[in-house]
């Protein structure tokens, strides 16, 4: 009878290799970190743009009330 634990380990290793898409774990971590940095930079840019729009809208509202 085959060793069930060994079979599970082999299956887990195959799934990990497939998930990494041929990258080493180190490469996968670097890629994830770069993606996270890019995402946070995009969020910061969106926040700045939204702040600029809000200030313009506030100025327009204040001007219309004067």
C-alpha atoms as a PDB file:
ATOM      1  CA  UNK A   1       0.000   0.000   0.000  1.00  0.00           C
ATOM      2  CA  UNK A   2       1.477   3.400  -0.993  1.00  0.00           C
ATOM      3  CA  UNK A   3       2.460   5.846   1.720  1.00  0.00           C
ATOM      4  CA  UNK A   4      -0.406   8.349   1.873  1.00  0.00           C
ATOM      5  CA  UNK A   5       1.688  11.098   3.495  1.00  0.00           C
ATOM      6  CA  UNK A   6       4.345  10.861   0.794  1.00  0.00           C
ATOM      7  CA  UNK A   7       1.660  11.007  -1.908  1.00  0.00           C
ATOM      8  CA  UNK A   8       0.147  14.115  -0.273  1.00  0.00           C
ATOM      9  CA  UNK A   9       3.594  15.733  -0.114  1.00  0.00           C
ATOM     10  CA  UNK A  10       4.200  15.045  -3.800  1.00  0.00           C
ATOM     11  CA  UNK A  11       0.779  16.456  -4.722  1.00  0.00           C
ATOM     12  CA  UNK A  12       1.359  19.540  -2.572  1.00  0.00           C
ATOM     13  CA  UNK A  13       4.760  20.093  -4.184  1.00  0.00           C
ATOM     14  CA  UNK A  14       3.220  19.822  -7.674  1.00  0.00           C
ATOM     15  CA  UNK A  15       0.480  22.320  -6.774  1.00  0.00           C
ATOM     16  CA  UNK A  16       3.076  24.726  -5.371  1.00  0.00           C
ATOM     17  CA  UNK A  17       5.174  24.489  -8.537  1.00  0.00           C
ATOM     18  CA  UNK A  18       2.072  25.122 -10.669  1.00  0.00           C
ATOM     19  CA  UNK A  19       1.051  28.103  -8.546  1.00  0.00           C
ATOM     20  CA  UNK A  20       4.511  29.642  -8.790  1.00  0.00           C
ATOM     21  CA  UNK A  21       4.436  29.381 -12.570  1.00  0.00           C
ATOM     22  CA  UNK A  22       8.040  28.271 -12.871  1.00  0.00           C
ATOM     23  CA  UNK A  23       9.379  30.897 -10.468  1.00  0.00           C
ATOM     24  CA  UNK A  24      11.388  30.156  -7.386  1.00  0.00           C
ATOM     25  CA  UNK A  25       9.721  31.050  -4.085  1.00  0.00           C
ATOM     26  CA  UNK A  26      12.164  33.974  -3.790  1.00  0.00           C
ATOM     27  CA  UNK A  27      11.184  35.286  -7.225  1.00  0.00           C
ATOM     28  CA  UNK A  28       7.498  34.936  -6.350  1.00  0.00           C
ATOM     29  CA  UNK A  29       8.002  36.959  -3.157  1.00  0.00           C
ATOM     30  CA  UNK A  30       9.851  39.693  -5.049  1.00  0.00           C
ATOM     31  CA  UNK A  31       7.142  39.853  -7.697  1.00  0.00           C
ATOM     32  CA  UNK A  32       4.412  40.047  -5.055  1.00  0.00           C
ATOM     33  CA  UNK A  33       6.293  42.801  -3.253  1.00  0.00           C
ATOM     34  CA  UNK A  34       6.707  44.822  -6.455  1.00  0.00           C
ATOM     35  CA  UNK A  35       3.018  44.416  -7.267  1.00  0.00           C
ATOM     36  CA  UNK A  36       2.084  45.559  -3.770  1.00  0.00           C
ATOM     37  CA  UNK A  37       4.343  48.613  -4.096  1.00  0.00           C
ATOM     38  CA  UNK A  38       2.816  49.519  -7.447  1.00  0.00           C
ATOM     39  CA  UNK A  39      -0.660  49.103  -5.975  1.00  0.00           C
ATOM     40  CA  UNK A  40       0.107  51.355  -3.017  1.00  0.00           C
ATOM     41  CA  UNK A  41       1.612  53.966  -5.350  1.00  0.00           C
ATOM     42  CA  UNK A  42      -1.551  53.865  -7.470  1.00  0.00           C
ATOM     43  CA  UNK A  43      -3.710  54.289  -4.358  1.00  0.00           C
ATOM     44  CA  UNK A  44      -1.586  57.256  -3.240  1.00  0.00           C
ATOM     45  CA  UNK A  45      -1.923  58.869  -6.677  1.00  0.00           C
ATOM     46  CA  UNK A  46      -5.690  58.323  -6.654  1.00  0.00           C
ATOM     47  CA  UNK A  47      -5.917  59.834  -3.173  1.00  0.00           C
ATOM     48  CA  UNK A  48      -3.984  62.905  -4.281  1.00  0.00           C
ATOM     49  CA  UNK A  49      -6.171  63.312  -7.366  1.00  0.00           C
ATOM     50  CA  UNK A  50      -9.350  62.947  -5.304  1.00  0.00           C
ATOM     51  CA  UNK A  51      -8.061  65.528  -2.830  1.00  0.00           C
ATOM     52  CA  UNK A  52      -7.358  67.954  -5.678  1.00  0.00           C
ATOM     53  CA  UNK A  53     -10.868  67.446  -7.069  1.00  0.00           C
ATOM     54  CA  UNK A  54     -12.425  67.919  -3.635  1.00  0.00           C
ATOM     55  CA  UNK A  55     -10.529  71.179  -3.110  1.00  0.00           C
ATOM     56  CA  UNK A  56     -11.666  72.462  -6.508  1.00  0.00           C
ATOM     57  CA  UNK A  57     -15.251  71.508  -5.731  1.00  0.00           C
ATOM     58  CA  UNK A  58     -15.056  73.194  -2.328  1.00  0.00           C
ATOM     59  CA  UNK A  59     -13.658  76.352  -3.921  1.00  0.00           C
ATOM     60  CA  UNK A  60     -16.493  76.336  -6.488  1.00  0.00           C
ATOM     61  CA  UNK A  61     -19.089  75.898  -3.742  1.00  0.00           C
ATOM     62  CA  UNK A  62     -17.588  78.694  -1.666  1.00  0.00           C
ATOM     63  CA  UNK A  63     -17.476  80.975  -4.716  1.00  0.00           C
ATOM     64  CA  UNK A  64     -21.123  80.293  -5.543  1.00  0.00           C
ATOM     65  CA  UNK A  65     -22.195  81.100  -1.969  1.00  0.00           C
ATOM     66  CA  UNK A  66     -20.377  84.449  -1.881  1.00  0.00           C
END
